Amino acid sequence: MSFTEICIYQVKPQKAQEFEVLMQEAKSFLEKQKGVLTVSLIKRGYLIDMPQIKEGLPPHEITKIVKSVKYMLYWEFDTKESYGLAQKNLYDSYWKSIDKCLLVPHDKYLGERIF
């Protein structure tokens, strides 16, 4: 059973481009971590509400940034021990630069993948 993290970043709007460049640079570093199975960064860009769902319509594109630009980092590891080492390596290398882009501290959701 693999171990996963979903990390939610709320990035200052004026730092969004810097954050994306930084994360693109960090991607190859993250992919080289022992035990990593996959790494994906997603930028929140759409909303969907119940009428759209009921009608089978596509989501609405977000056109206005209210407080922050939201990103989700998803990465998966072979074990939680590999995950722990990768977290230390990320902290020792890219974390200070990432943190400077954030409006608030990030949220981490951790667990074992069920399917």
N, C-alpha and C. Protein backbone atom coordinates (compact mmCIF):
# COMPACT_ATOMS: atom_id res chain seq x y z
N MET A 1 0.85 -1.18 0.00
CA MET A 1 0.00 0.00 0.00
C MET A 1 0.90 1.25 0.00
N SER A 2 0.67 2.15 -0.92
CA SER A 2 1.50 3.34 -1.02
C SER A 2 1.05 4.43 -0.04
N PHE A 3 1.95 5.37 0.21
CA PHE A 3 1.70 6.47 1.14
C PHE A 3 1.63 7.76 0.34
N THR A 4 0.62 8.59 0.61
CA THR A 4 0.40 9.80 -0.19
C THR A 4 0.28 11.05 0.67
N GLU A 5 0.56 12.16 0.00
CA GLU A 5 0.35 13.48 0.58
C GLU A 5 -0.37 14.33 -0.45
N ILE A 6 -1.37 15.04 0.01
CA ILE A 6 -1.97 16.13 -0.76
C ILE A 6 -1.69 17.38 0.04
N CYS A 7 -1.00 18.31 -0.57
CA CYS A 7 -0.61 19.54 0.12
C CYS A 7 -1.33 20.70 -0.57
N ILE A 8 -2.02 21.52 0.21
CA ILE A 8 -2.75 22.67 -0.32
C ILE A 8 -1.94 23.93 -0.02
N TYR A 9 -1.59 24.64 -1.09
CA TYR A 9 -0.84 25.89 -0.97
C TYR A 9 -1.76 27.05 -1.34
N GLN A 10 -1.80 28.07 -0.48
CA GLN A 10 -2.49 29.32 -0.80
C GLN A 10 -1.41 30.36 -1.07
N VAL A 11 -1.24 30.66 -2.34
CA VAL A 11 -0.14 31.51 -2.79
C VAL A 11 -0.60 32.95 -2.96
N LYS A 12 0.25 33.88 -2.52
CA LYS A 12 -0.03 35.30 -2.73
C LYS A 12 -0.17 35.54 -4.23
N PRO A 13 -1.22 36.26 -4.66
CA PRO A 13 -1.42 36.46 -6.10
C PRO A 13 -0.19 37.02 -6.82
N GLN A 14 0.51 37.95 -6.20
CA GLN A 14 1.69 38.54 -6.84
C GLN A 14 2.89 37.58 -6.87
N LYS A 15 2.78 36.44 -6.19
CA LYS A 15 3.86 35.45 -6.15
C LYS A 15 3.53 34.19 -6.94
N ALA A 16 2.38 34.16 -7.60
CA ALA A 16 1.94 32.95 -8.30
C ALA A 16 2.92 32.51 -9.38
N GLN A 17 3.37 33.43 -10.20
CA GLN A 17 4.31 33.07 -11.27
C GLN A 17 5.63 32.56 -10.68
N GLU A 18 6.12 33.23 -9.66
CA GLU A 18 7.35 32.80 -8.98
C GLU A 18 7.18 31.40 -8.40
N PHE A 19 6.03 31.15 -7.78
CA PHE A 19 5.75 29.84 -7.20
C PHE A 19 5.75 28.75 -8.27
N GLU A 20 5.10 29.01 -9.40
CA GLU A 20 5.04 28.01 -10.47
C GLU A 20 6.43 27.70 -11.03
N VAL A 21 7.25 28.74 -11.21
CA VAL A 21 8.62 28.52 -11.69
C VAL A 21 9.42 27.71 -10.68
N LEU A 22 9.28 28.07 -9.42
CA LEU A 22 9.98 27.36 -8.35
C LEU A 22 9.55 25.90 -8.28
N MET A 23 8.26 25.64 -8.36
CA MET A 23 7.77 24.26 -8.28
C MET A 23 8.16 23.46 -9.52
N GLN A 24 8.23 24.11 -10.67
CA GLN A 24 8.70 23.41 -11.87
C GLN A 24 10.16 22.99 -11.69
N GLU A 25 10.94 23.86 -11.10
CA GLU A 25 12.34 23.55 -10.81
C GLU A 25 12.43 22.42 -9.77
N ALA A 26 11.59 22.49 -8.76
CA ALA A 26 11.62 21.49 -7.69
C ALA A 26 11.10 20.12 -8.16
N LYS A 27 10.30 20.10 -9.22
CA LYS A 27 9.69 18.86 -9.70
C LYS A 27 10.74 17.78 -9.96
N SER A 28 11.80 18.11 -10.68
CA SER A 28 12.81 17.08 -10.98
C SER A 28 13.49 16.61 -9.70
N PHE A 29 13.69 17.53 -8.75
CA PHE A 29 14.25 17.17 -7.44
C PHE A 29 13.31 16.22 -6.72
N LEU A 30 12.01 16.54 -6.71
CA LEU A 30 11.03 15.71 -6.02
C LEU A 30 10.94 14.32 -6.65
N GLU A 31 10.98 14.27 -7.97
CA GLU A 31 10.86 12.98 -8.66
C GLU A 31 12.07 12.07 -8.40
N LYS A 32 13.19 12.63 -8.00
CA LYS A 32 14.39 11.84 -7.75
C LYS A 32 14.47 11.31 -6.32
N GLN A 33 13.50 11.65 -5.49
CA GLN A 33 13.52 11.19 -4.11
C GLN A 33 13.29 9.68 -4.05
N LYS A 34 13.99 9.03 -3.13
CA LYS A 34 13.88 7.58 -2.96
C LYS A 34 12.42 7.19 -2.68
N GLY A 35 11.93 6.25 -3.45
CA GLY A 35 10.60 5.71 -3.21
C GLY A 35 9.46 6.50 -3.81
N VAL A 36 9.73 7.61 -4.46
CA VAL A 36 8.63 8.41 -5.03
C VAL A 36 8.02 7.67 -6.22
N LEU A 37 6.69 7.64 -6.28
CA LEU A 37 5.99 6.97 -7.37
C LEU A 37 5.41 7.97 -8.36
N THR A 38 4.90 9.09 -7.85
CA THR A 38 4.33 10.11 -8.73
C THR A 38 4.34 11.47 -8.03
N VAL A 39 4.44 12.52 -8.83
CA VAL A 39 4.39 13.91 -8.34
C VAL A 39 3.54 14.71 -9.32
N SER A 40 2.52 15.41 -8.81
CA SER A 40 1.67 16.26 -9.65
C SER A 40 1.36 17.55 -8.91
N LEU A 41 1.39 18.66 -9.64
CA LEU A 41 0.98 19.95 -9.10
C LEU A 41 -0.21 20.43 -9.91
N ILE A 42 -1.26 20.81 -9.22
CA ILE A 42 -2.50 21.24 -9.86
C ILE A 42 -2.80 22.66 -9.41
N LYS A 43 -3.18 23.51 -10.35
CA LYS A 43 -3.61 24.88 -10.03
C LYS A 43 -5.13 24.90 -10.10
N ARG A 44 -5.75 25.35 -9.03
CA ARG A 44 -7.21 25.43 -9.03
C ARG A 44 -7.63 26.49 -10.04
N GLY A 45 -8.47 26.08 -10.98
CA GLY A 45 -8.88 27.00 -12.02
C GLY A 45 -10.35 26.95 -12.37
N TYR A 46 -11.11 26.07 -11.69
CA TYR A 46 -12.51 25.88 -12.04
C TYR A 46 -13.37 25.67 -10.79
N LEU A 47 -14.65 25.97 -10.95
CA LEU A 47 -15.67 25.73 -9.92
C LEU A 47 -16.84 24.99 -10.57
N ILE A 48 -17.52 24.17 -9.79
CA ILE A 48 -18.73 23.53 -10.28
C ILE A 48 -19.76 23.56 -9.17
N ASP A 49 -21.00 23.82 -9.54
CA ASP A 49 -22.07 23.86 -8.54
C ASP A 49 -23.13 22.81 -8.89
N MET A 50 -24.09 22.64 -8.00
CA MET A 50 -25.06 21.57 -8.14
C MET A 50 -25.87 21.65 -9.45
N PRO A 51 -26.35 22.82 -9.88
CA PRO A 51 -27.08 22.85 -11.16
C PRO A 51 -26.23 22.35 -12.33
N GLN A 52 -24.96 22.69 -12.34
CA GLN A 52 -24.09 22.21 -13.41
C GLN A 52 -23.93 20.69 -13.32
N ILE A 53 -23.78 20.18 -12.11
CA ILE A 53 -23.63 18.74 -11.92
C ILE A 53 -24.89 18.02 -12.40
N LYS A 54 -26.06 18.51 -11.99
CA LYS A 54 -27.32 17.87 -12.35
C LYS A 54 -27.56 17.88 -13.85
N GLU A 55 -27.07 18.91 -14.52
CA GLU A 55 -27.26 19.03 -15.97
C GLU A 55 -26.12 18.41 -16.77
N GLY A 56 -25.07 17.98 -16.09
CA GLY A 56 -23.93 17.41 -16.79
C GLY A 56 -23.11 18.44 -17.54
N LEU A 57 -23.12 19.67 -17.04
CA LEU A 57 -22.39 20.76 -17.69
C LEU A 57 -20.96 20.84 -17.19
N PRO A 58 -20.08 21.43 -17.98
CA PRO A 58 -18.69 21.57 -17.53
C PRO A 58 -18.58 22.62 -16.43
N PRO A 59 -17.50 22.59 -15.67
CA PRO A 59 -17.32 23.58 -14.61
C PRO A 59 -17.04 24.97 -15.17
N HIS A 60 -17.25 25.98 -14.32
CA HIS A 60 -16.96 27.38 -14.68
C HIS A 60 -15.49 27.65 -14.44
N GLU A 61 -14.87 28.40 -15.34
CA GLU A 61 -13.49 28.81 -15.12
C GLU A 61 -13.47 29.94 -14.09
N ILE A 62 -12.52 29.90 -13.18
CA ILE A 62 -12.34 30.97 -12.20
C ILE A 62 -11.67 32.14 -12.92
N THR A 63 -12.30 33.30 -12.86
CA THR A 63 -11.77 34.46 -13.58
C THR A 63 -11.26 35.56 -12.66
N LYS A 64 -11.53 35.42 -11.36
CA LYS A 64 -11.15 36.45 -10.41
C LYS A 64 -10.44 35.81 -9.22
N ILE A 65 -9.28 36.34 -8.86
CA ILE A 65 -8.56 35.87 -7.68
C ILE A 65 -9.05 36.70 -6.49
N VAL A 66 -9.59 36.04 -5.48
CA VAL A 66 -10.12 36.76 -4.34
C VAL A 66 -9.03 37.03 -3.30
N LYS A 67 -8.42 36.01 -2.75
CA LYS A 67 -7.43 36.20 -1.70
C LYS A 67 -6.10 35.54 -2.05
N SER A 68 -6.18 34.37 -2.69
CA SER A 68 -4.97 33.62 -2.99
C SER A 68 -5.21 32.76 -4.22
N VAL A 69 -4.11 32.31 -4.80
CA VAL A 69 -4.16 31.33 -5.87
C VAL A 69 -3.88 29.99 -5.21
N LYS A 70 -4.77 29.02 -5.41
CA LYS A 70 -4.64 27.74 -4.72
C LYS A 70 -4.02 26.69 -5.64
N TYR A 71 -3.10 25.93 -5.04
CA TYR A 71 -2.42 24.84 -5.72
C TYR A 71 -2.51 23.60 -4.84
N MET A 72 -2.55 22.44 -5.48
CA MET A 72 -2.53 21.17 -4.78
C MET A 72 -1.35 20.37 -5.29
N LEU A 73 -0.48 19.96 -4.38
CA LEU A 73 0.62 19.07 -4.71
C LEU A 73 0.22 17.67 -4.28
N TYR A 74 0.28 16.74 -5.21
CA TYR A 74 -0.01 15.34 -4.90
C TYR A 74 1.25 14.55 -5.17
N TRP A 75 1.74 13.86 -4.14
CA TRP A 75 2.85 12.93 -4.39
C TRP A 75 2.63 11.66 -3.62
N GLU A 76 3.16 10.59 -4.20
CA GLU A 76 2.91 9.25 -3.69
C GLU A 76 4.24 8.52 -3.56
N PHE A 77 4.37 7.74 -2.50
CA PHE A 77 5.61 7.02 -2.17
C PHE A 77 5.34 5.55 -1.94
N ASP A 78 6.41 4.77 -2.01
CA ASP A 78 6.28 3.35 -1.73
C ASP A 78 6.04 3.09 -0.25
N THR A 79 6.62 3.92 0.64
CA THR A 79 6.44 3.74 2.09
C THR A 79 6.40 5.11 2.78
N LYS A 80 5.89 5.13 4.00
CA LYS A 80 5.89 6.38 4.76
C LYS A 80 7.30 6.76 5.19
N GLU A 81 8.21 5.80 5.29
CA GLU A 81 9.60 6.10 5.62
C GLU A 81 10.27 6.87 4.48
N SER A 82 10.01 6.46 3.24
CA SER A 82 10.53 7.20 2.08
C SER A 82 9.95 8.60 2.04
N TYR A 83 8.66 8.71 2.36
CA TYR A 83 8.01 10.02 2.42
C TYR A 83 8.70 10.92 3.45
N GLY A 84 8.98 10.39 4.63
CA GLY A 84 9.63 11.17 5.68
C GLY A 84 10.98 11.71 5.25
N LEU A 85 11.79 10.88 4.59
CA LEU A 85 13.09 11.33 4.10
C LEU A 85 12.95 12.40 3.02
N ALA A 86 11.97 12.22 2.14
CA ALA A 86 11.75 13.21 1.08
C ALA A 86 11.31 14.55 1.67
N GLN A 87 10.50 14.52 2.73
CA GLN A 87 10.08 15.76 3.38
C GLN A 87 11.29 16.51 3.94
N LYS A 88 12.20 15.79 4.57
CA LYS A 88 13.41 16.41 5.10
C LYS A 88 14.23 17.03 3.97
N ASN A 89 14.38 16.30 2.86
CA ASN A 89 15.14 16.82 1.73
C ASN A 89 14.49 18.06 1.12
N LEU A 90 13.17 18.05 1.04
CA LEU A 90 12.46 19.23 0.53
C LEU A 90 12.66 20.40 1.48
N TYR A 91 12.53 20.15 2.75
CA TYR A 91 12.70 21.21 3.74
C TYR A 91 14.11 21.80 3.68
N ASP A 92 15.11 20.95 3.51
CA ASP A 92 16.50 21.40 3.47
C ASP A 92 16.86 22.13 2.19
N SER A 93 16.04 22.01 1.14
CA SER A 93 16.42 22.60 -0.14
C SER A 93 15.49 23.71 -0.62
N TYR A 94 14.21 23.43 -0.81
CA TYR A 94 13.30 24.38 -1.44
C TYR A 94 12.33 25.05 -0.49
N TRP A 95 12.23 24.55 0.74
CA TRP A 95 11.12 24.99 1.58
C TRP A 95 11.09 26.49 1.86
N LYS A 96 12.23 27.11 2.16
CA LYS A 96 12.23 28.54 2.48
C LYS A 96 11.72 29.37 1.31
N SER A 97 12.10 29.01 0.10
CA SER A 97 11.64 29.73 -1.10
C SER A 97 10.14 29.53 -1.31
N ILE A 98 9.66 28.32 -1.09
CA ILE A 98 8.23 28.05 -1.23
C ILE A 98 7.45 28.85 -0.19
N ASP A 99 7.90 28.81 1.05
CA ASP A 99 7.22 29.47 2.16
C ASP A 99 7.05 30.97 1.92
N LYS A 100 8.01 31.60 1.27
CA LYS A 100 7.94 33.04 1.00
C LYS A 100 6.82 33.40 0.03
N CYS A 101 6.35 32.44 -0.72
CA CYS A 101 5.27 32.67 -1.68
C CYS A 101 3.88 32.52 -1.07
N LEU A 102 3.79 31.96 0.12
CA LEU A 102 2.50 31.58 0.70
C LEU A 102 1.85 32.70 1.51
N LEU A 103 0.53 32.76 1.40
CA LEU A 103 -0.27 33.69 2.19
C LEU A 103 -0.42 33.17 3.62
N VAL A 104 -0.63 31.87 3.75
CA VAL A 104 -0.78 31.21 5.05
C VAL A 104 -0.01 29.89 4.99
N PRO A 105 0.31 29.30 6.13
CA PRO A 105 0.98 27.99 6.10
C PRO A 105 0.14 26.96 5.33
N HIS A 106 0.82 26.06 4.66
CA HIS A 106 0.14 25.05 3.85
C HIS A 106 -0.56 24.01 4.72
N ASP A 107 -1.52 23.33 4.12
CA ASP A 107 -2.23 22.21 4.75
C ASP A 107 -1.72 20.92 4.13
N LYS A 108 -1.47 19.92 4.97
CA LYS A 108 -1.04 18.60 4.50
C LYS A 108 -2.09 17.57 4.87
N TYR A 109 -2.44 16.74 3.91
CA TYR A 109 -3.34 15.61 4.14
C TYR A 109 -2.56 14.36 3.78
N LEU A 110 -2.38 13.49 4.75
CA LEU A 110 -1.53 12.31 4.60
C LEU A 110 -2.33 11.03 4.79
N GLY A 111 -1.97 10.00 4.04
CA GLY A 111 -2.63 8.71 4.24
C GLY A 111 -2.17 7.67 3.26
N GLU A 112 -2.67 6.46 3.46
CA GLU A 112 -2.37 5.36 2.56
C GLU A 112 -3.43 5.32 1.46
N ARG A 113 -2.96 5.07 0.24
CA ARG A 113 -3.88 5.02 -0.89
C ARG A 113 -4.73 3.77 -0.78
N ILE A 114 -6.04 3.92 -0.92
CA ILE A 114 -6.96 2.79 -0.84
C ILE A 114 -7.14 2.15 -2.21
N PHE A 115 -7.32 2.97 -3.24
CA PHE A 115 -7.40 2.46 -4.63
C PHE A 115 -6.86 3.47 -5.58
